[in-house]
Amino acid sequence: MLADLARQQGISFEVIIADGGSIDTTCQLANDLFVSDRLSGSCHVGPSVRGQQLNAGVAVANSDWLLFLHADSRLVDVNQLLNALGFIHAHQKKQTSDASAGRFSLLFDISSSEKSFGLFYYEAKARLDRSGCIHGDQGMLMTKSFFHRVGPFREDLPVMEDTSIAETIRATGQWLLLPGKIVTSARRFQVEGLKSRQTLNALMMNFMSIGWLEFFAKAPEIYCQQDRTQPLQLFPFFHLIKKLLHDMPLRKRWRIWLATGGYVRSQAWQIGLALDCRKAYRQGLEPGCQNKDWLNWFDRWFNPLTNHWFGRTVTALLVRIWFAWQFRCEPDTYTNRK
């Protein structure tokens, strides 16, 4: 990312590295670029909680505009920041309001010659302006004044602080898809397994959306105990959920299940998107170019027909059955360790 920023043309900016005490050479590489005058900026080492890191970076920023980027993201065009700023500035001038933020299309960098359908689906999903579609790996561009109205980043979440503020922006302003793409590595999906990572992401999205934060207090510890070079093991997370639910009163437990049913039902449109993406993938189309026949069907028919207490309750029961089934499918290796 630092090399890509150094190549940007037609625009001046400062780079603020918000480091959480990493053991790599991030700050050293950044300082070398700052000393050589290839970039202007500074490196700040602070707490390891990402929300605190990002807020600390904002506190020392001097510009009227903020662009949040992941350190391992890549910009594909030397004019990308210039074009992005011109695009969002023109929109805000037309709207006479700065209540909007921009993000880039997502492009996965893969080691194999053929992109999997799962990654194709994620790239297409990242182009939508819907709940749960926008995350920090796409970059987030906004004015500092707008950030102070929608922020700061939540510091009570060890992860998904970017997703949380993305939802706040959607509720109070507007998301724009900027010209250009951000390239991000698909290594985590390839190593951990796309299905397992997707399931864990869905669990976290649900718990964040319904406000059940107890899961986030323990989940990072479980994740850190796993070998990052091996497939992701979901069963420790399932056991954590089971224990947390078991330790709470029955009424609160069912409130969690019913809230989960409401969230899962509201995300059923993703089935329609997957069906549309499957057809586009087989036709060799680019992500974002798929028809929206199934997606529109879910919006027109499924959502209004199920958006009531009965639909949410039925969905909660189905999720509860799915959760119970996971323990019947539990590998003997994990059961024996317990």
Protein backbone atom coordinates (compact mmCIF):
# COMPACT_ATOMS: atom_id res chain seq x y z
CA MET A 1 0.00 0.00 0.00
CA LEU A 2 2.77 2.49 0.88
CA ALA A 3 4.42 2.05 -2.53
CA ASP A 4 1.05 2.54 -4.25
CA LEU A 5 0.43 5.73 -2.27
CA ALA A 6 3.89 7.03 -3.20
CA ARG A 7 2.97 6.59 -6.91
CA GLN A 8 -0.27 8.58 -6.72
CA GLN A 9 -0.26 11.61 -9.03
CA GLY A 10 -1.99 14.98 -9.10
CA ILE A 11 -2.85 15.07 -5.40
CA SER A 12 -1.08 15.87 -2.14
CA PHE A 13 -1.85 14.14 1.14
CA GLU A 14 -0.34 13.00 4.41
CA VAL A 15 -0.09 9.34 5.40
CA ILE A 16 -0.78 8.41 9.01
CA ILE A 17 0.19 4.88 10.00
CA ALA A 18 -1.90 3.81 13.00
CA ASP A 19 0.07 0.80 14.23
CA GLY A 20 -1.15 -1.40 17.05
CA GLY A 21 2.27 -2.55 18.18
CA SER A 22 2.89 -4.95 15.29
CA ILE A 23 6.12 -6.95 15.21
CA ASP A 24 6.72 -6.45 11.49
CA THR A 25 8.58 -3.56 9.86
CA THR A 26 5.54 -1.44 8.99
CA CYS A 27 6.69 1.72 10.77
CA GLN A 28 10.29 1.30 9.59
CA LEU A 29 9.20 1.03 5.95
CA ALA A 30 6.92 4.02 6.35
CA ASN A 31 9.59 6.14 8.03
CA ASP A 32 12.06 5.31 5.24
CA LEU A 33 9.57 6.70 2.71
CA PHE A 34 8.89 9.76 4.86
CA VAL A 35 12.61 10.51 5.20
CA SER A 36 13.16 10.11 1.47
CA ASP A 37 10.33 12.62 0.80
CA ARG A 38 8.51 10.08 -1.36
CA LEU A 39 5.62 10.40 1.09
CA SER A 40 4.61 12.87 3.74
CA GLY A 41 3.34 11.50 7.01
CA SER A 42 4.05 9.88 10.34
CA CYS A 43 3.73 6.58 12.17
CA HIS A 44 1.92 6.31 15.50
CA VAL A 45 2.07 3.22 17.69
CA GLY A 46 -0.88 2.81 20.02
CA PRO A 47 -3.41 0.30 21.37
CA SER A 48 -3.96 -2.98 19.53
CA VAL A 49 -7.75 -2.47 19.38
CA ARG A 50 -8.47 -1.41 15.80
CA GLY A 51 -11.16 1.11 16.71
CA GLN A 52 -8.74 2.87 19.04
CA GLN A 53 -6.01 2.80 16.40
CA LEU A 54 -8.25 4.42 13.80
CA ASN A 55 -9.57 7.06 16.19
CA ALA A 56 -6.01 7.89 17.24
CA GLY A 57 -5.08 8.37 13.59
CA VAL A 58 -8.00 10.74 13.05
CA ALA A 59 -6.95 12.76 16.09
CA VAL A 60 -3.60 13.70 14.51
CA ALA A 61 -4.88 14.16 10.93
CA ASN A 62 -4.63 17.69 9.56
CA SER A 63 -6.64 17.33 6.35
CA ASP A 64 -10.33 18.09 5.82
CA TRP A 65 -10.66 14.69 4.12
CA LEU A 66 -10.04 11.24 5.55
CA LEU A 67 -9.35 7.99 3.68
CA PHE A 68 -9.15 4.83 5.77
CA LEU A 69 -7.17 2.01 4.16
CA HIS A 70 -5.97 -1.41 5.27
CA ALA A 71 -2.20 -1.80 5.23
CA ASP A 72 -2.36 -4.82 2.91
CA SER A 73 -4.67 -3.21 0.34
CA ARG A 74 -3.38 -2.18 -3.07
CA LEU A 75 -4.39 0.67 -5.41
CA VAL A 76 -4.33 -0.28 -9.08
CA ASP A 77 -4.21 3.19 -10.70
CA VAL A 78 -1.75 6.06 -10.15
CA ASN A 79 -4.65 8.52 -10.50
CA GLN A 80 -7.00 6.60 -8.23
CA LEU A 81 -7.06 9.03 -5.31
CA LEU A 82 -7.33 12.05 -7.59
CA ASN A 83 -10.26 10.52 -9.46
CA ALA A 84 -11.97 9.37 -6.27
CA LEU A 85 -11.73 12.76 -4.59
CA GLY A 86 -12.99 14.53 -7.71
CA PHE A 87 -15.93 12.11 -7.95
CA ILE A 88 -17.12 12.50 -4.37
CA HIS A 89 -16.45 16.23 -4.31
CA ALA A 90 -18.61 16.72 -7.41
CA HIS A 91 -21.41 14.67 -5.83
CA GLN A 92 -21.32 16.63 -2.58
CA LYS A 93 -21.28 19.93 -4.43
CA LYS A 94 -24.37 18.89 -6.37
CA GLN A 95 -26.11 17.74 -3.18
CA THR A 96 -24.85 20.79 -1.22
CA SER A 97 -24.02 18.39 1.60
CA ASP A 98 -21.03 16.36 2.74
CA ALA A 99 -23.26 13.60 4.18
CA SER A 100 -21.76 10.91 1.96
CA ALA A 101 -18.80 8.58 1.95
CA GLY A 102 -17.10 6.63 -0.81
CA ARG A 103 -15.63 3.17 -1.14
CA PHE A 104 -13.91 1.33 -4.00
CA SER A 105 -14.86 -1.87 -5.78
CA LEU A 106 -13.15 -4.93 -4.34
CA LEU A 107 -10.82 -7.16 -6.34
CA PHE A 108 -9.24 -10.28 -4.82
CA ASP A 109 -5.64 -11.15 -5.56
CA ILE A 110 -5.52 -14.94 -5.87
CA SER A 111 -2.64 -17.35 -6.35
CA SER A 112 -4.57 -19.73 -8.62
CA SER A 113 -5.38 -19.02 -12.25
CA GLU A 114 -9.17 -19.23 -11.80
CA LYS A 115 -11.25 -17.27 -9.32
CA SER A 116 -13.70 -19.32 -7.28
CA PHE A 117 -17.40 -18.59 -7.32
CA GLY A 118 -17.25 -17.60 -3.65
CA LEU A 119 -14.75 -14.82 -4.31
CA PHE A 120 -16.73 -13.73 -7.38
CA TYR A 121 -19.80 -13.48 -5.13
CA TYR A 122 -17.96 -11.37 -2.54
CA GLU A 123 -16.69 -8.98 -5.23
CA ALA A 124 -20.22 -8.56 -6.59
CA LYS A 125 -21.66 -8.11 -3.10
CA ALA A 126 -19.13 -5.39 -2.29
CA ARG A 127 -20.52 -3.30 -5.13
CA LEU A 128 -24.00 -3.19 -3.55
CA ASP A 129 -25.21 -0.51 -1.16
CA ARG A 130 -27.00 -2.87 1.22
CA SER A 131 -26.66 -3.83 4.84
CA GLY A 132 -23.52 -5.84 5.49
CA CYS A 133 -21.99 -5.25 2.06
CA ILE A 134 -19.49 -2.50 2.85
CA HIS A 135 -16.35 -3.13 4.92
CA GLY A 136 -13.02 -1.48 5.59
CA ASP A 137 -11.11 -3.51 3.00
CA GLN A 138 -12.80 -1.37 0.33
CA GLY A 139 -11.41 1.86 1.78
CA MET A 140 -13.59 4.61 3.26
CA LEU A 141 -13.36 8.20 2.01
CA MET A 142 -15.23 11.04 3.71
CA THR A 143 -14.83 14.54 5.07
CA LYS A 144 -13.55 14.89 8.60
CA SER A 145 -16.66 16.83 9.57
CA PHE A 146 -18.91 13.99 8.38
CA PHE A 147 -16.77 11.46 10.23
CA HIS A 148 -17.24 13.37 13.47
CA ARG A 149 -21.02 13.21 12.93
CA VAL A 150 -21.13 9.45 12.29
CA GLY A 151 -18.12 8.37 14.35
CA PRO A 152 -15.92 7.69 16.09
CA PHE A 153 -15.10 4.05 15.41
CA ARG A 154 -16.43 1.80 18.10
CA GLU A 155 -13.78 0.80 20.60
CA ASP A 156 -15.86 -1.88 22.33
CA LEU A 157 -15.56 -4.21 19.32
CA PRO A 158 -12.26 -6.05 18.72
CA VAL A 159 -13.32 -6.52 15.06
CA MET A 160 -15.97 -5.16 12.66
CA GLU A 161 -15.63 -1.58 13.84
CA ASP A 162 -15.47 -0.66 10.14
CA THR A 163 -18.71 -2.50 9.37
CA SER A 164 -20.42 -0.78 12.30
CA ILE A 165 -19.55 2.72 11.11
CA ALA A 166 -20.50 1.73 7.54
CA GLU A 167 -24.01 0.96 8.76
CA THR A 168 -24.17 4.28 10.62
CA ILE A 169 -23.16 6.08 7.43
CA ARG A 170 -25.91 4.29 5.52
CA ALA A 171 -28.48 5.33 8.13
CA THR A 172 -27.46 8.99 8.23
CA GLY A 173 -26.03 9.67 4.79
CA GLN A 174 -25.15 7.98 1.51
CA TRP A 175 -22.56 5.54 0.23
CA LEU A 176 -20.95 6.12 -3.17
CA LEU A 177 -19.08 3.58 -5.30
CA LEU A 178 -15.90 5.41 -6.32
CA PRO A 179 -14.09 4.91 -9.62
CA GLY A 180 -11.23 2.44 -9.33
CA LYS A 181 -10.62 -0.82 -7.49
CA ILE A 182 -8.84 -1.92 -4.36
CA VAL A 183 -6.95 -5.19 -4.55
CA THR A 184 -6.86 -7.31 -1.41
CA SER A 185 -5.29 -10.70 -0.77
CA ALA A 186 -7.50 -13.80 -0.80
CA ARG A 187 -4.96 -15.73 1.26
CA ARG A 188 -7.15 -15.84 4.39
CA PHE A 189 -10.01 -17.39 2.42
CA GLN A 190 -7.68 -19.85 0.71
CA VAL A 191 -5.95 -20.95 3.92
CA GLU A 192 -8.87 -20.93 6.36
CA GLY A 193 -11.44 -22.19 3.87
CA LEU A 194 -14.01 -19.97 2.19
CA LYS A 195 -17.04 -21.71 3.70
CA SER A 196 -15.65 -21.64 7.25
CA ARG A 197 -14.58 -18.00 7.05
CA GLN A 198 -17.93 -17.06 5.51
CA THR A 199 -19.78 -18.82 8.34
CA LEU A 200 -17.74 -17.07 11.04
CA ASN A 201 -18.26 -13.71 9.31
CA ALA A 202 -22.01 -14.35 9.20
CA LEU A 203 -22.06 -15.18 12.92
CA MET A 204 -20.20 -11.98 13.76
CA MET A 205 -22.42 -9.87 11.51
CA ASN A 206 -25.49 -11.28 13.24
CA PHE A 207 -24.21 -10.75 16.77
CA MET A 208 -23.08 -7.20 16.00
CA SER A 209 -26.41 -6.36 14.37
CA ILE A 210 -28.51 -7.66 17.28
CA GLY A 211 -26.20 -6.08 19.86
CA TRP A 212 -24.99 -9.31 21.52
CA LEU A 213 -21.41 -8.27 22.34
CA GLU A 214 -20.57 -11.04 24.83
CA PHE A 215 -19.45 -13.18 21.90
CA PHE A 216 -16.82 -10.63 20.87
CA ALA A 217 -15.26 -10.60 24.33
CA LYS A 218 -14.21 -14.27 24.02
CA ALA A 219 -14.04 -15.02 20.29
CA PRO A 220 -10.69 -13.27 19.57
CA GLU A 221 -8.98 -15.46 22.18
CA ILE A 222 -10.28 -18.59 20.43
CA TYR A 223 -9.19 -17.29 17.03
CA CYS A 224 -5.68 -16.47 18.26
CA GLN A 225 -5.26 -20.01 19.60
CA GLN A 226 -5.68 -21.49 16.13
CA ASP A 227 -2.87 -22.14 13.69
CA ARG A 228 -3.10 -19.44 11.01
CA THR A 229 -1.62 -21.80 8.43
CA GLN A 230 -4.39 -24.38 8.90
CA PRO A 231 -8.11 -24.41 7.99
CA LEU A 232 -10.33 -22.46 10.37
CA GLN A 233 -11.97 -24.60 13.08
CA LEU A 234 -15.53 -23.43 13.70
CA PHE A 235 -16.47 -25.79 16.49
CA PRO A 236 -14.68 -23.87 19.26
CA PHE A 237 -16.84 -20.87 18.30
CA PHE A 238 -20.00 -23.00 18.32
CA HIS A 239 -19.11 -24.27 21.78
CA LEU A 240 -18.54 -20.71 22.97
CA ILE A 241 -21.98 -19.68 21.70
CA LYS A 242 -23.57 -22.71 23.35
CA LYS A 243 -21.93 -21.93 26.68
CA LEU A 244 -22.85 -18.24 26.60
CA LEU A 245 -26.46 -19.10 25.83
CA HIS A 246 -26.57 -21.79 28.51
CA ASP A 247 -25.38 -19.34 31.17
CA MET A 248 -28.16 -16.82 30.55
CA PRO A 249 -31.83 -16.89 31.64
CA LEU A 250 -34.22 -18.70 29.33
CA ARG A 251 -36.14 -15.53 28.41
CA LYS A 252 -32.98 -13.69 27.39
CA ARG A 253 -31.82 -16.76 25.48
CA TRP A 254 -34.96 -16.78 23.37
CA ARG A 255 -34.69 -13.04 22.79
CA ILE A 256 -31.29 -13.77 21.25
CA TRP A 257 -32.75 -16.49 19.02
CA LEU A 258 -35.69 -14.34 17.94
CA ALA A 259 -33.43 -11.38 17.18
CA THR A 260 -31.22 -13.74 15.18
CA GLY A 261 -34.27 -14.96 13.27
CA GLY A 262 -35.14 -11.37 12.39
CA TYR A 263 -31.62 -10.63 11.18
CA VAL A 264 -31.25 -13.83 9.15
CA ARG A 265 -34.65 -13.30 7.53
CA SER A 266 -33.64 -9.76 6.55
CA GLN A 267 -30.53 -11.13 4.81
CA ALA A 268 -32.38 -13.71 2.68
CA TRP A 269 -31.87 -11.46 -0.35
CA GLN A 270 -28.30 -12.80 -0.44
CA ILE A 271 -29.72 -16.08 -1.75
CA GLY A 272 -31.13 -14.15 -4.71
CA LEU A 273 -27.80 -12.40 -5.25
CA ALA A 274 -26.00 -15.76 -5.17
CA LEU A 275 -28.34 -17.18 -7.82
CA ASP A 276 -27.79 -14.15 -10.06
CA CYS A 277 -24.03 -14.35 -9.49
CA ARG A 278 -23.95 -18.06 -10.29
CA LYS A 279 -25.39 -17.40 -13.73
CA ALA A 280 -23.02 -14.49 -14.37
CA TYR A 281 -20.04 -16.55 -13.16
CA ARG A 282 -20.84 -19.35 -15.58
CA GLN A 283 -21.22 -16.83 -18.40
CA GLY A 284 -17.81 -15.34 -17.66
CA LEU A 285 -19.16 -11.88 -16.77
CA GLU A 286 -17.42 -9.45 -14.45
CA PRO A 287 -18.64 -9.09 -10.84
CA GLY A 288 -21.27 -6.38 -10.68
CA CYS A 289 -22.46 -7.06 -14.23
CA GLN A 290 -24.94 -9.79 -13.26
CA ASN A 291 -28.65 -9.42 -13.81
CA LYS A 292 -30.78 -8.85 -10.72
CA ASP A 293 -33.71 -11.09 -11.55
CA TRP A 294 -33.55 -13.22 -8.41
CA LEU A 295 -32.46 -10.31 -6.23
CA ASN A 296 -35.46 -8.29 -7.38
CA TRP A 297 -37.74 -11.29 -6.76
CA PHE A 298 -36.61 -11.52 -3.16
CA ASP A 299 -37.13 -7.78 -2.71
CA ARG A 300 -40.57 -7.83 -4.30
CA TRP A 301 -42.02 -11.04 -2.91
CA PHE A 302 -40.02 -12.78 -0.21
CA ASN A 303 -39.34 -9.75 1.96
CA PRO A 304 -42.92 -8.45 2.30
CA LEU A 305 -44.33 -11.98 2.67
CA THR A 306 -42.03 -12.86 5.58
CA ASN A 307 -41.43 -9.53 7.32
CA HIS A 308 -43.65 -10.16 10.35
CA TRP A 309 -43.45 -11.92 13.72
CA PHE A 310 -44.35 -15.33 12.28
CA GLY A 311 -41.69 -15.12 9.56
CA ARG A 312 -39.07 -14.07 12.08
CA THR A 313 -40.09 -16.83 14.51
CA VAL A 314 -39.97 -19.55 11.84
CA THR A 315 -36.54 -18.32 10.76
CA ALA A 316 -35.35 -18.37 14.39
CA LEU A 317 -36.48 -21.99 14.73
CA LEU A 318 -34.70 -22.96 11.51
CA VAL A 319 -31.50 -21.29 12.69
CA ARG A 320 -31.83 -23.07 16.06
CA ILE A 321 -32.16 -26.42 14.27
CA TRP A 322 -29.13 -25.61 12.10
CA PHE A 323 -27.11 -24.72 15.18
CA ALA A 324 -28.04 -27.97 16.94
CA TRP A 325 -27.13 -29.93 13.80
CA GLN A 326 -23.58 -28.54 13.89
CA PHE A 327 -22.85 -30.55 17.03
CA ARG A 328 -24.01 -33.76 15.35
CA CYS A 329 -21.49 -33.02 12.59
CA GLU A 330 -18.67 -32.19 15.02
CA PRO A 331 -15.35 -33.88 14.19
CA ASP A 332 -14.19 -36.54 16.63
CA THR A 333 -10.80 -34.85 16.85
CA TYR A 334 -12.27 -31.75 18.46
CA THR A 335 -14.64 -33.75 20.70
CA ASN A 336 -11.73 -35.83 21.99
CA ARG A 337 -9.72 -32.71 22.80
CA LYS A 338 -12.60 -31.45 24.93
